[in-house]
Amino acid sequence: MLYEAAIEIQKHFAFISALLCGFSITFLIGLLQLKKVEVKRTLRWCLISTTSASFALLISTFASLGGAIWLSERPQLVTAQTAIKSPELSGAYSWGLISLYIGLFALILTIGLSGRLHSKFVGRMTMSIALISFILILFFWLFVVRID
């Protein structure tokens, strides 16, 4: 049970990371196409945030896929003690999860800042919604989901 669940978790992390990475790369290409922008500093921060989100989510995708491949090649790791002591698996899981959260937070920052490219009012609205979602994700990550 633990073996199959661990493989499925790694596959789901890889899928979510790849999906968000594709979204952030598409968003980055859209930002690079902008010609006349009055708020160049905001555009610069959006580009930096989107690029870092893309790279973090790409790292998360490959780390999660590496963990799934590593687990599928070792079916003898059925017990929790054997799987937890493995540095390869814990490293792939940790890097995948940390990179996923970094990419997700950078993507939320990009979405929050991108409204400022349209107008001040839209910028305030998108930034406040991004801040609320950041707080909720951080709350669930710190207090609800426990990975011990």
Protein backbone atom coordinates (compact mmCIF):
# COMPACT_ATOMS: atom_id res chain seq x y z
CA MET A 1 0.00 0.00 0.00
CA LEU A 2 2.73 2.49 0.91
CA TYR A 3 4.73 1.63 -2.19
CA GLU A 4 1.89 2.25 -4.65
CA ALA A 5 0.75 5.37 -2.80
CA ALA A 6 4.25 6.86 -2.86
CA ILE A 7 4.54 6.29 -6.61
CA GLU A 8 1.14 7.87 -7.21
CA ILE A 9 2.02 10.89 -5.06
CA GLN A 10 5.23 11.42 -7.02
CA LYS A 11 3.32 11.11 -10.31
CA HIS A 12 0.72 13.63 -9.16
CA PHE A 13 3.41 16.10 -8.08
CA ALA A 14 5.07 15.71 -11.49
CA PHE A 15 1.78 16.28 -13.32
CA ILE A 16 0.82 19.36 -11.30
CA SER A 17 4.32 20.82 -11.65
CA ALA A 18 4.41 20.22 -15.40
CA LEU A 19 0.98 21.77 -15.86
CA LEU A 20 1.88 24.88 -13.86
CA CYS A 21 5.27 25.09 -15.59
CA GLY A 22 3.55 25.13 -18.97
CA PHE A 23 1.20 27.83 -17.77
CA SER A 24 4.04 29.99 -16.45
CA ILE A 25 6.08 29.58 -19.65
CA THR A 26 3.04 30.59 -21.70
CA PHE A 27 2.51 33.58 -19.40
CA LEU A 28 6.20 34.49 -19.78
CA ILE A 29 5.93 34.43 -23.57
CA GLY A 30 2.88 36.68 -23.35
CA LEU A 31 4.74 39.14 -21.14
CA LEU A 32 7.69 39.19 -23.53
CA GLN A 33 5.36 40.18 -26.38
CA LEU A 34 4.26 43.41 -24.67
CA LYS A 35 5.52 46.43 -26.56
CA LYS A 36 4.09 49.59 -25.02
CA VAL A 37 4.11 49.35 -21.26
CA GLU A 38 4.09 52.42 -19.06
CA VAL A 39 5.12 50.60 -15.89
CA LYS A 40 8.42 49.05 -16.90
CA ARG A 41 9.45 48.26 -13.32
CA THR A 42 6.32 46.16 -12.79
CA LEU A 43 6.95 44.37 -16.09
CA ARG A 44 10.53 43.64 -15.01
CA TRP A 45 9.33 42.13 -11.71
CA CYS A 46 6.68 40.11 -13.55
CA LEU A 47 9.33 38.74 -15.92
CA ILE A 48 11.68 37.84 -13.05
CA SER A 49 8.89 36.18 -11.08
CA THR A 50 7.55 34.24 -14.06
CA THR A 51 11.01 33.04 -15.07
CA SER A 52 11.78 31.86 -11.54
CA ALA A 53 8.38 30.13 -11.35
CA SER A 54 9.07 28.34 -14.63
CA PHE A 55 12.46 27.08 -13.49
CA ALA A 56 11.27 26.06 -10.02
CA LEU A 57 8.32 24.15 -11.47
CA LEU A 58 10.59 22.49 -14.03
CA ILE A 59 12.90 21.36 -11.22
CA SER A 60 9.89 20.06 -9.32
CA THR A 61 8.70 18.11 -12.36
CA PHE A 62 12.02 16.35 -12.86
CA ALA A 63 12.54 15.72 -9.14
CA SER A 64 9.09 14.15 -8.84
CA LEU A 65 9.60 12.06 -11.96
CA GLY A 66 12.98 10.96 -10.62
CA GLY A 67 11.34 9.88 -7.37
CA ALA A 68 8.63 7.95 -9.23
CA ILE A 69 11.18 6.22 -11.46
CA TRP A 70 13.42 5.43 -8.50
CA LEU A 71 10.49 3.90 -6.62
CA SER A 72 9.21 1.89 -9.58
CA GLU A 73 12.63 0.29 -10.04
CA ARG A 74 12.73 -0.82 -6.38
CA PRO A 75 9.56 -2.73 -5.50
CA GLN A 76 11.24 -4.20 -2.42
CA LEU A 77 10.74 -0.87 -0.61
CA VAL A 78 7.39 -1.80 0.86
CA THR A 79 7.92 -0.81 4.48
CA ALA A 80 7.95 2.78 5.67
CA GLN A 81 11.28 2.43 7.50
CA THR A 82 13.13 1.29 4.39
CA ALA A 83 11.66 4.04 2.22
CA ILE A 84 12.28 6.83 4.74
CA LYS A 85 15.95 5.88 5.21
CA SER A 86 16.59 6.21 1.47
CA PRO A 87 18.38 9.52 0.75
CA GLU A 88 17.47 9.40 -2.94
CA LEU A 89 13.75 9.15 -2.29
CA SER A 90 13.65 11.70 0.51
CA GLY A 91 15.76 14.09 -1.58
CA ALA A 92 13.52 13.73 -4.62
CA TYR A 93 10.41 14.20 -2.50
CA SER A 94 11.84 17.21 -0.64
CA TRP A 95 13.21 18.93 -3.75
CA GLY A 96 10.01 18.27 -5.63
CA LEU A 97 7.77 19.66 -2.91
CA ILE A 98 9.95 22.68 -2.09
CA SER A 99 10.34 23.58 -5.77
CA LEU A 100 6.60 23.18 -6.28
CA TYR A 101 5.86 25.65 -3.48
CA ILE A 102 8.50 28.13 -4.66
CA GLY A 103 7.12 27.98 -8.19
CA LEU A 104 3.56 28.29 -6.96
CA PHE A 105 4.36 31.34 -4.82
CA ALA A 106 6.29 32.97 -7.68
CA LEU A 107 3.37 32.32 -10.02
CA ILE A 108 0.95 33.86 -7.52
CA LEU A 109 3.24 36.91 -7.31
CA THR A 110 3.27 37.18 -11.10
CA ILE A 111 -0.50 37.02 -11.32
CA GLY A 112 -0.78 39.62 -8.58
CA LEU A 113 1.65 41.98 -10.27
CA SER A 114 0.28 41.51 -13.77
CA GLY A 115 -2.89 43.43 -12.99
CA ARG A 116 -0.76 46.54 -12.46
CA LEU A 117 0.14 46.42 -16.15
CA HIS A 118 -3.50 47.21 -16.95
CA SER A 119 -4.42 49.87 -14.38
CA LYS A 120 -3.92 50.80 -10.73
CA PHE A 121 -7.36 49.53 -9.72
CA VAL A 122 -6.92 46.17 -11.43
CA GLY A 123 -3.43 45.97 -9.92
CA ARG A 124 -4.79 46.49 -6.42
CA MET A 125 -7.50 43.88 -6.94
CA THR A 126 -5.18 41.21 -8.36
CA MET A 127 -2.56 41.86 -5.70
CA SER A 128 -5.11 41.58 -2.88
CA ILE A 129 -6.51 38.34 -4.32
CA ALA A 130 -2.96 37.01 -4.76
CA LEU A 131 -2.16 37.94 -1.16
CA ILE A 132 -5.26 36.13 0.12
CA SER A 133 -4.41 33.01 -1.87
CA PHE A 134 -0.79 33.18 -0.67
CA ILE A 135 -1.95 33.34 2.96
CA LEU A 136 -4.40 30.45 2.48
CA ILE A 137 -1.83 28.22 0.76
CA LEU A 138 0.73 29.04 3.45
CA PHE A 139 -1.84 28.27 6.16
CA PHE A 140 -2.69 24.89 4.65
CA TRP A 141 0.96 24.09 4.09
CA LEU A 142 2.02 24.93 7.64
CA PHE A 143 -0.95 23.86 9.74
CA VAL A 144 -3.20 21.44 7.87
CA VAL A 145 -0.89 19.24 5.81
CA ARG A 146 1.70 17.53 7.99
CA ILE A 147 4.38 15.45 6.34
CA ASP A 148 6.25 13.88 9.23
